[in-house]
Amino acid sequence: MPLNTFLSTAFHWSQLLQPQFYIEHGGLWLILFVVFAETGLFVGFFLPGDSLLFVAGIYSHNIANEIFPTGNEYIDLLVLLVLISIAGIAGNTVGYWFGRKVGPAMYDWKENILFKRKYLLQAHDFYEKHGGGAIVIARFIPIIRTFAPIVAGIVQMDRKKFGLFNVIGCVAWVFSMLFGGHFLQKWILAEFQFDLKDHLEVIVLGIVLVTTAPIFIKLIFNKHTDTTHSGKES
């Protein structure tokens, strides 16, 4: 889209939650920025990482052709997988190193209603026990993936351990979303003549519900557990 056309188009902040907005107005380069910013800039927790990659898989041929035309869907996907994974790995790494820089000072912070030193100690013990798995799983959960590498840095998680699982988590996340979007679109179109490109809003809503469900289930479960314990104590 020409710049003057883009600038003259009415913009609304809700468009930042729509993956097609990034694909239409920035293509591959904006996708790479969003994936990096989700964890590298610490304010990217609202960005639509999961749905953006899923929709990018649907439009993989068009997006990959921004670099060079390959004429092969698998090469297109491989190119996107490599580039987007690098952006995700770099973002997580920036978050981790930021956490390592500010982490030691946090142990001397004055405790208040929001900050307790015991939370840092608990987080340290958690990452010591489940750190690798936590980094991988966090990649698939919105909001959590923004802060997981920062917390890992704060509690001084081993660099090599973080680096290994950072790569594993990023590649697994990008692969599943990108290839899932591409081949689901291909299969549904061939079997049912149903084009997902015409129903992106429903697809995005479904992905948001699936990826955020674990958070709400955990919150409800914890609330139920706390209520049960309180009832027993009384």
C-alpha atoms as a PDB file:
ATOM      1  CA  MET A   1       0.000   0.000   0.000  1.00  0.00           C
ATOM      2  CA  PRO A   2       1.408   3.453  -0.940  1.00  0.00           C
ATOM      3  CA  LEU A   3       2.434   5.605   2.024  1.00  0.00           C
ATOM      4  CA  ASN A   4       0.005   8.419   1.212  1.00  0.00           C
ATOM      5  CA  THR A   5      -2.869   5.924   1.010  1.00  0.00           C
ATOM      6  CA  PHE A   6      -1.867   4.392   4.345  1.00  0.00           C
ATOM      7  CA  LEU A   7      -1.635   7.772   6.057  1.00  0.00           C
ATOM      8  CA  SER A   8      -5.002   8.860   4.708  1.00  0.00           C
ATOM      9  CA  THR A   9      -6.678   5.682   5.950  1.00  0.00           C
ATOM     10  CA  ALA A  10      -8.573   6.090   9.209  1.00  0.00           C
ATOM     11  CA  PHE A  11      -6.590   4.410  11.981  1.00  0.00           C
ATOM     12  CA  HIS A  12      -7.984   2.981  15.189  1.00  0.00           C
ATOM     13  CA  TRP A  13      -5.978   1.504  18.047  1.00  0.00           C
ATOM     14  CA  SER A  14      -8.004  -1.704  17.864  1.00  0.00           C
ATOM     15  CA  GLN A  15      -6.202  -2.452  14.598  1.00  0.00           C
ATOM     16  CA  LEU A  16      -3.074  -3.218  16.622  1.00  0.00           C
ATOM     17  CA  LEU A  17      -4.850  -6.354  17.833  1.00  0.00           C
ATOM     18  CA  GLN A  18      -5.597  -7.518  14.290  1.00  0.00           C
ATOM     19  CA  PRO A  19      -2.857  -9.629  12.657  1.00  0.00           C
ATOM     20  CA  GLN A  20      -3.966  -8.714   9.133  1.00  0.00           C
ATOM     21  CA  PHE A  21      -3.138  -5.071   9.901  1.00  0.00           C
ATOM     22  CA  TYR A  22       0.556  -5.916  10.339  1.00  0.00           C
ATOM     23  CA  ILE A  23       0.651  -8.159   7.283  1.00  0.00           C
ATOM     24  CA  GLU A  24      -1.014  -5.562   5.059  1.00  0.00           C
ATOM     25  CA  HIS A  25       0.989  -2.556   6.264  1.00  0.00           C
ATOM     26  CA  GLY A  26       4.402  -3.989   7.026  1.00  0.00           C
ATOM     27  CA  GLY A  27       4.600  -7.559   5.845  1.00  0.00           C
ATOM     28  CA  LEU A  28       7.559  -9.650   6.931  1.00  0.00           C
ATOM     29  CA  TRP A  29       9.546  -6.805   8.490  1.00  0.00           C
ATOM     30  CA  LEU A  30       6.694  -5.752  10.754  1.00  0.00           C
ATOM     31  CA  ILE A  31       6.076  -9.375  11.714  1.00  0.00           C
ATOM     32  CA  LEU A  32       9.727  -9.695  12.759  1.00  0.00           C
ATOM     33  CA  PHE A  33       9.457  -6.495  14.796  1.00  0.00           C
ATOM     34  CA  VAL A  34       6.280  -7.655  16.573  1.00  0.00           C
ATOM     35  CA  VAL A  35       7.793 -11.031  17.484  1.00  0.00           C
ATOM     36  CA  PHE A  36      10.919  -9.320  18.824  1.00  0.00           C
ATOM     37  CA  ALA A  37       8.977  -6.606  20.657  1.00  0.00           C
ATOM     38  CA  GLU A  38       6.746  -9.064  22.513  1.00  0.00           C
ATOM     39  CA  THR A  39       9.670  -9.974  24.756  1.00  0.00           C
ATOM     40  CA  GLY A  40      12.471  -7.611  23.767  1.00  0.00           C
ATOM     41  CA  LEU A  41      10.733  -4.289  24.446  1.00  0.00           C
ATOM     42  CA  PHE A  42       8.706  -5.357  27.526  1.00  0.00           C
ATOM     43  CA  VAL A  43       5.656  -3.352  26.384  1.00  0.00           C
ATOM     44  CA  GLY A  44       4.660  -5.759  23.649  1.00  0.00           C
ATOM     45  CA  PHE A  45       2.424  -7.964  25.792  1.00  0.00           C
ATOM     46  CA  PHE A  46      -0.677  -6.680  23.962  1.00  0.00           C
ATOM     47  CA  LEU A  47       0.648  -7.599  20.509  1.00  0.00           C
ATOM     48  CA  PRO A  48      -1.080 -10.530  18.710  1.00  0.00           C
ATOM     49  CA  GLY A  49       1.886 -12.890  18.457  1.00  0.00           C
ATOM     50  CA  ASP A  50       0.031 -16.223  18.189  1.00  0.00           C
ATOM     51  CA  SER A  51      -2.662 -15.109  15.781  1.00  0.00           C
ATOM     52  CA  LEU A  52      -0.152 -13.074  13.757  1.00  0.00           C
ATOM     53  CA  LEU A  53       2.016 -16.140  13.108  1.00  0.00           C
ATOM     54  CA  PHE A  54      -1.011 -18.306  12.365  1.00  0.00           C
ATOM     55  CA  VAL A  55      -2.303 -15.820   9.806  1.00  0.00           C
ATOM     56  CA  ALA A  56       1.241 -15.393   8.473  1.00  0.00           C
ATOM     57  CA  GLY A  57       1.199 -19.134   7.771  1.00  0.00           C
ATOM     58  CA  ILE A  58      -1.956 -18.675   5.717  1.00  0.00           C
ATOM     59  CA  TYR A  59      -0.271 -15.910   3.699  1.00  0.00           C
ATOM     60  CA  SER A  60       3.209 -17.479   3.791  1.00  0.00           C
ATOM     61  CA  HIS A  61       3.661 -17.448   0.013  1.00  0.00           C
ATOM     62  CA  ASN A  62       2.900 -13.728  -0.284  1.00  0.00           C
ATOM     63  CA  ILE A  63       5.047 -12.808   2.720  1.00  0.00           C
ATOM     64  CA  ALA A  64       8.052 -14.895   1.701  1.00  0.00           C
ATOM     65  CA  ASN A  65       7.924 -13.417  -1.798  1.00  0.00           C
ATOM     66  CA  GLU A  66       8.751 -10.033  -0.279  1.00  0.00           C
ATOM     67  CA  ILE A  67      12.333 -11.328  -0.022  1.00  0.00           C
ATOM     68  CA  PHE A  68      12.586 -13.510  -3.112  1.00  0.00           C
ATOM     69  CA  PRO A  69      10.118 -15.698  -5.044  1.00  0.00           C
ATOM     70  CA  THR A  70      10.803 -19.382  -4.490  1.00  0.00           C
ATOM     71  CA  GLY A  71       7.808 -21.040  -6.080  1.00  0.00           C
ATOM     72  CA  ASN A  72       7.918 -23.701  -3.358  1.00  0.00           C
ATOM     73  CA  GLU A  73       5.625 -23.619  -0.327  1.00  0.00           C
ATOM     74  CA  TYR A  74       8.050 -25.556   1.866  1.00  0.00           C
ATOM     75  CA  ILE A  75      10.946 -23.217   1.125  1.00  0.00           C
ATOM     76  CA  ASP A  76       8.637 -20.257   1.807  1.00  0.00           C
ATOM     77  CA  LEU A  77       7.745 -21.708   5.203  1.00  0.00           C
ATOM     78  CA  LEU A  78      11.366 -22.576   5.987  1.00  0.00           C
ATOM     79  CA  VAL A  79      12.520 -19.024   5.210  1.00  0.00           C
ATOM     80  CA  LEU A  80       9.827 -17.567   7.474  1.00  0.00           C
ATOM     81  CA  LEU A  81      10.548 -20.131  10.196  1.00  0.00           C
ATOM     82  CA  VAL A  82      14.247 -19.217  10.313  1.00  0.00           C
ATOM     83  CA  LEU A  83      13.793 -15.432  10.215  1.00  0.00           C
ATOM     84  CA  ILE A  84      10.912 -15.262  12.694  1.00  0.00           C
ATOM     85  CA  SER A  85      12.631 -17.696  15.087  1.00  0.00           C
ATOM     86  CA  ILE A  86      15.736 -15.487  15.073  1.00  0.00           C
ATOM     87  CA  ALA A  87      13.577 -12.475  15.955  1.00  0.00           C
ATOM     88  CA  GLY A  88      11.918 -14.386  18.815  1.00  0.00           C
ATOM     89  CA  ILE A  89      15.217 -15.702  20.164  1.00  0.00           C
ATOM     90  CA  ALA A  90      16.718 -12.203  20.046  1.00  0.00           C
ATOM     91  CA  GLY A  91      13.725 -10.718  21.869  1.00  0.00           C
ATOM     92  CA  ASN A  92      13.891 -13.293  24.648  1.00  0.00           C
ATOM     93  CA  THR A  93      17.638 -12.755  24.973  1.00  0.00           C
ATOM     94  CA  VAL A  94      17.219  -8.992  25.403  1.00  0.00           C
ATOM     95  CA  GLY A  95      14.564  -9.606  28.066  1.00  0.00           C
ATOM     96  CA  TYR A  96      16.808 -12.068  29.877  1.00  0.00           C
ATOM     97  CA  TRP A  97      19.820  -9.745  29.941  1.00  0.00           C
ATOM     98  CA  PHE A  98      17.679  -6.846  31.116  1.00  0.00           C
ATOM     99  CA  GLY A  99      16.514  -9.034  33.992  1.00  0.00           C
ATOM    100  CA  ARG A 100      20.092  -9.988  34.870  1.00  0.00           C
ATOM    101  CA  LYS A 101      21.085  -6.318  35.027  1.00  0.00           C
ATOM    102  CA  VAL A 102      18.246  -5.168  37.297  1.00  0.00           C
ATOM    103  CA  GLY A 103      17.823  -8.430  39.217  1.00  0.00           C
ATOM    104  CA  PRO A 104      20.548  -8.096  41.889  1.00  0.00           C
ATOM    105  CA  ALA A 105      19.334  -4.628  42.873  1.00  0.00           C
ATOM    106  CA  MET A 106      15.778  -5.894  43.362  1.00  0.00           C
ATOM    107  CA  TYR A 107      16.831  -7.940  46.376  1.00  0.00           C
ATOM    108  CA  ASP A 108      17.563  -4.644  48.143  1.00  0.00           C
ATOM    109  CA  TRP A 109      14.246  -3.013  47.231  1.00  0.00           C
ATOM    110  CA  LYS A 110      11.973  -2.000  50.051  1.00  0.00           C
ATOM    111  CA  GLU A 111       9.080  -4.414  50.410  1.00  0.00           C
ATOM    112  CA  ASN A 112       5.550  -3.164  49.819  1.00  0.00           C
ATOM    113  CA  ILE A 113       2.100  -4.497  48.998  1.00  0.00           C
ATOM    114  CA  LEU A 114       3.192  -5.286  45.410  1.00  0.00           C
ATOM    115  CA  PHE A 115       6.744  -6.414  45.996  1.00  0.00           C
ATOM    116  CA  LYS A 116       7.910  -9.092  48.420  1.00  0.00           C
ATOM    117  CA  ARG A 117      11.449 -10.443  48.491  1.00  0.00           C
ATOM    118  CA  LYS A 118      10.074 -13.939  49.011  1.00  0.00           C
ATOM    119  CA  TYR A 119       8.548 -13.759  45.518  1.00  0.00           C
ATOM    120  CA  LEU A 120      12.045 -13.519  44.048  1.00  0.00           C
ATOM    121  CA  LEU A 121      13.221 -16.460  46.122  1.00  0.00           C
ATOM    122  CA  GLN A 122      10.191 -18.516  45.080  1.00  0.00           C
ATOM    123  CA  ALA A 123      10.750 -17.613  41.427  1.00  0.00           C
ATOM    124  CA  HIS A 124      14.418 -18.584  41.757  1.00  0.00           C
ATOM    125  CA  ASP A 125      13.490 -21.996  43.187  1.00  0.00           C
ATOM    126  CA  PHE A 126      10.865 -22.490  40.468  1.00  0.00           C
ATOM    127  CA  TYR A 127      13.300 -21.763  37.643  1.00  0.00           C
ATOM    128  CA  GLU A 128      15.933 -23.952  39.244  1.00  0.00           C
ATOM    129  CA  LYS A 129      13.481 -26.837  39.196  1.00  0.00           C
ATOM    130  CA  HIS A 130      11.381 -26.160  36.079  1.00  0.00           C
ATOM    131  CA  GLY A 131      13.310 -23.366  34.336  1.00  0.00           C
ATOM    132  CA  GLY A 132      13.808 -25.028  30.966  1.00  0.00           C
ATOM    133  CA  GLY A 133      10.234 -26.221  30.660  1.00  0.00           C
ATOM    134  CA  ALA A 134       8.918 -22.881  31.918  1.00  0.00           C
ATOM    135  CA  ILE A 135      10.753 -20.979  29.178  1.00  0.00           C
ATOM    136  CA  VAL A 136       9.387 -23.308  26.487  1.00  0.00           C
ATOM    137  CA  ILE A 137       5.801 -23.331  27.780  1.00  0.00           C
ATOM    138  CA  ALA A 138       5.781 -19.562  28.321  1.00  0.00           C
ATOM    139  CA  ARG A 139       6.317 -19.067  24.578  1.00  0.00           C
ATOM    140  CA  PHE A 140       2.811 -20.417  23.964  1.00  0.00           C
ATOM    141  CA  ILE A 141       1.028 -18.243  26.535  1.00  0.00           C
ATOM    142  CA  PRO A 142       0.273 -14.573  25.778  1.00  0.00           C
ATOM    143  CA  ILE A 143       1.494 -11.994  28.329  1.00  0.00           C
ATOM    144  CA  ILE A 144       3.423 -14.708  30.198  1.00  0.00           C
ATOM    145  CA  ARG A 145       5.944 -14.973  27.334  1.00  0.00           C
ATOM    146  CA  THR A 146       6.622 -11.234  27.631  1.00  0.00           C
ATOM    147  CA  PHE A 147       7.805 -11.453  31.226  1.00  0.00           C
ATOM    148  CA  ALA A 148       9.164 -15.006  31.501  1.00  0.00           C
ATOM    149  CA  PRO A 149      12.642 -14.201  30.107  1.00  0.00           C
ATOM    150  CA  ILE A 150      12.875 -11.082  32.276  1.00  0.00           C
ATOM    151  CA  VAL A 151      12.061 -13.070  35.411  1.00  0.00           C
ATOM    152  CA  ALA A 152      14.547 -15.755  34.335  1.00  0.00           C
ATOM    153  CA  GLY A 153      17.211 -13.071  34.169  1.00  0.00           C
ATOM    154  CA  ILE A 154      16.199 -11.526  37.489  1.00  0.00           C
ATOM    155  CA  VAL A 155      16.591 -14.844  39.331  1.00  0.00           C
ATOM    156  CA  GLN A 156      19.921 -15.433  37.549  1.00  0.00           C
ATOM    157  CA  MET A 157      18.887 -18.542  35.633  1.00  0.00           C
ATOM    158  CA  ASP A 158      21.924 -20.274  34.128  1.00  0.00           C
ATOM    159  CA  ARG A 159      22.836 -18.599  30.802  1.00  0.00           C
ATOM    160  CA  LYS A 160      23.472 -21.792  28.851  1.00  0.00           C
ATOM    161  CA  LYS A 161      20.297 -23.406  30.151  1.00  0.00           C
ATOM    162  CA  PHE A 162      18.246 -20.344  29.235  1.00  0.00           C
ATOM    163  CA  GLY A 163      19.892 -20.104  25.811  1.00  0.00           C
ATOM    164  CA  LEU A 164      19.147 -23.739  24.969  1.00  0.00           C
ATOM    165  CA  PHE A 165      15.497 -23.656  25.975  1.00  0.00           C
ATOM    166  CA  ASN A 166      15.060 -20.206  24.478  1.00  0.00           C
ATOM    167  CA  VAL A 167      15.969 -21.654  21.067  1.00  0.00           C
ATOM    168  CA  ILE A 168      13.817 -24.754  21.573  1.00  0.00           C
ATOM    169  CA  GLY A 169      10.811 -22.733  22.725  1.00  0.00           C
ATOM    170  CA  CYS A 170      11.016 -20.118  19.981  1.00  0.00           C
ATOM    171  CA  VAL A 171      11.452 -22.605  17.142  1.00  0.00           C
ATOM    172  CA  ALA A 172       8.642 -24.845  18.466  1.00  0.00           C
ATOM    173  CA  TRP A 173       6.292 -21.866  18.843  1.00  0.00           C
ATOM    174  CA  VAL A 174       6.985 -20.397  15.401  1.00  0.00           C
ATOM    175  CA  PHE A 175       6.861 -23.821  13.728  1.00  0.00           C
ATOM    176  CA  SER A 176       3.517 -24.816  15.277  1.00  0.00           C
ATOM    177  CA  MET A 177       1.774 -21.513  14.566  1.00  0.00           C
ATOM    178  CA  LEU A 178       3.220 -20.930  11.096  1.00  0.00           C
ATOM    179  CA  PHE A 179       2.851 -24.461   9.750  1.00  0.00           C
ATOM    180  CA  GLY A 180      -0.481 -24.890  11.543  1.00  0.00           C
ATOM    181  CA  GLY A 181      -1.955 -21.871   9.794  1.00  0.00           C
ATOM    182  CA  HIS A 182      -0.573 -22.839   6.381  1.00  0.00           C
ATOM    183  CA  PHE A 183      -1.594 -26.482   6.283  1.00  0.00           C
ATOM    184  CA  LEU A 184      -4.939 -26.027   8.058  1.00  0.00           C
ATOM    185  CA  GLN A 185      -5.864 -23.420   5.435  1.00  0.00           C
ATOM    186  CA  LYS A 186      -4.696 -25.763   2.664  1.00  0.00           C
ATOM    187  CA  TRP A 187      -6.570 -28.787   4.025  1.00  0.00           C
ATOM    188  CA  ILE A 188      -9.851 -27.012   4.771  1.00  0.00           C
ATOM    189  CA  LEU A 189      -9.844 -25.304   1.383  1.00  0.00           C
ATOM    190  CA  ALA A 190      -9.249 -28.596  -0.427  1.00  0.00           C
ATOM    191  CA  GLU A 191     -11.729 -30.649   1.594  1.00  0.00           C
ATOM    192  CA  PHE A 192     -14.542 -28.173   2.212  1.00  0.00           C
ATOM    193  CA  GLN A 193     -13.858 -25.301  -0.220  1.00  0.00           C
ATOM    194  CA  PHE A 194     -13.826 -23.045   2.845  1.00  0.00           C
ATOM    195  CA  ASP A 195     -11.307 -20.197   2.655  1.00  0.00           C
ATOM    196  CA  LEU A 196      -9.973 -19.124   6.063  1.00  0.00           C
ATOM    197  CA  LYS A 197      -8.862 -15.835   4.530  1.00  0.00           C
ATOM    198  CA  ASP A 198     -12.517 -14.803   4.413  1.00  0.00           C
ATOM    199  CA  HIS A 199     -13.025 -15.526   8.119  1.00  0.00           C
ATOM    200  CA  LEU A 200      -9.864 -14.236   9.818  1.00  0.00           C
ATOM    201  CA  GLU A 201     -11.785 -12.556  12.647  1.00  0.00           C
ATOM    202  CA  VAL A 202     -13.228 -15.898  13.765  1.00  0.00           C
ATOM    203  CA  ILE A 203      -9.820 -17.579  13.457  1.00  0.00           C
ATOM    204  CA  VAL A 204      -8.145 -14.881  15.549  1.00  0.00           C
ATOM    205  CA  LEU A 205     -10.840 -15.070  18.228  1.00  0.00           C
ATOM    206  CA  GLY A 206     -10.461 -18.846  18.401  1.00  0.00           C
ATOM    207  CA  ILE A 207      -6.685 -18.624  18.815  1.00  0.00           C
ATOM    208  CA  VAL A 208      -7.043 -15.996  21.561  1.00  0.00           C
ATOM    209  CA  LEU A 209      -9.498 -18.202  23.451  1.00  0.00           C
ATOM    210  CA  VAL A 210      -7.317 -21.308  23.140  1.00  0.00           C
ATOM    211  CA  THR A 211      -4.072 -19.590  24.175  1.00  0.00           C
ATOM    212  CA  THR A 212      -5.541 -17.642  27.098  1.00  0.00           C
ATOM    213  CA  ALA A 213      -7.684 -20.497  28.446  1.00  0.00           C
ATOM    214  CA  PRO A 214      -4.833 -21.975  30.575  1.00  0.00           C
ATOM    215  CA  ILE A 215      -4.407 -18.638  32.370  1.00  0.00           C
ATOM    216  CA  PHE A 216      -8.078 -18.384  33.334  1.00  0.00           C
ATOM    217  CA  ILE A 217      -8.269 -22.055  34.287  1.00  0.00           C
ATOM    218  CA  LYS A 218      -5.247 -21.603  36.559  1.00  0.00           C
ATOM    219  CA  LEU A 219      -6.749 -18.498  38.155  1.00  0.00           C
ATOM    220  CA  ILE A 220     -10.105 -20.197  38.747  1.00  0.00           C
ATOM    221  CA  PHE A 221      -8.415 -23.327  40.112  1.00  0.00           C
ATOM    222  CA  ASN A 222      -6.239 -21.309  42.491  1.00  0.00           C
ATOM    223  CA  LYS A 223      -9.234 -19.301  43.672  1.00  0.00           C
ATOM    224  CA  HIS A 224     -11.185 -22.502  44.296  1.00  0.00           C
ATOM    225  CA  THR A 225      -8.231 -24.022  46.164  1.00  0.00           C
ATOM    226  CA  ASP A 226      -7.807 -20.917  48.330  1.00  0.00           C
ATOM    227  CA  THR A 227     -11.534 -20.899  49.113  1.00  0.00           C
ATOM    228  CA  THR A 228     -11.435 -24.581  50.073  1.00  0.00           C
ATOM    229  CA  HIS A 229      -8.456 -24.068  52.371  1.00  0.00           C
ATOM    230  CA  SER A 230     -10.105 -21.048  53.991  1.00  0.00           C
ATOM    231  CA  GLY A 231     -13.266 -23.058  54.623  1.00  0.00           C
ATOM    232  CA  LYS A 232     -11.305 -25.878  56.265  1.00  0.00           C
ATOM    233  CA  GLU A 233      -9.374 -23.499  58.495  1.00  0.00           C
ATOM    234  CA  SER A 234     -12.533 -21.807  59.694  1.00  0.00           C
END
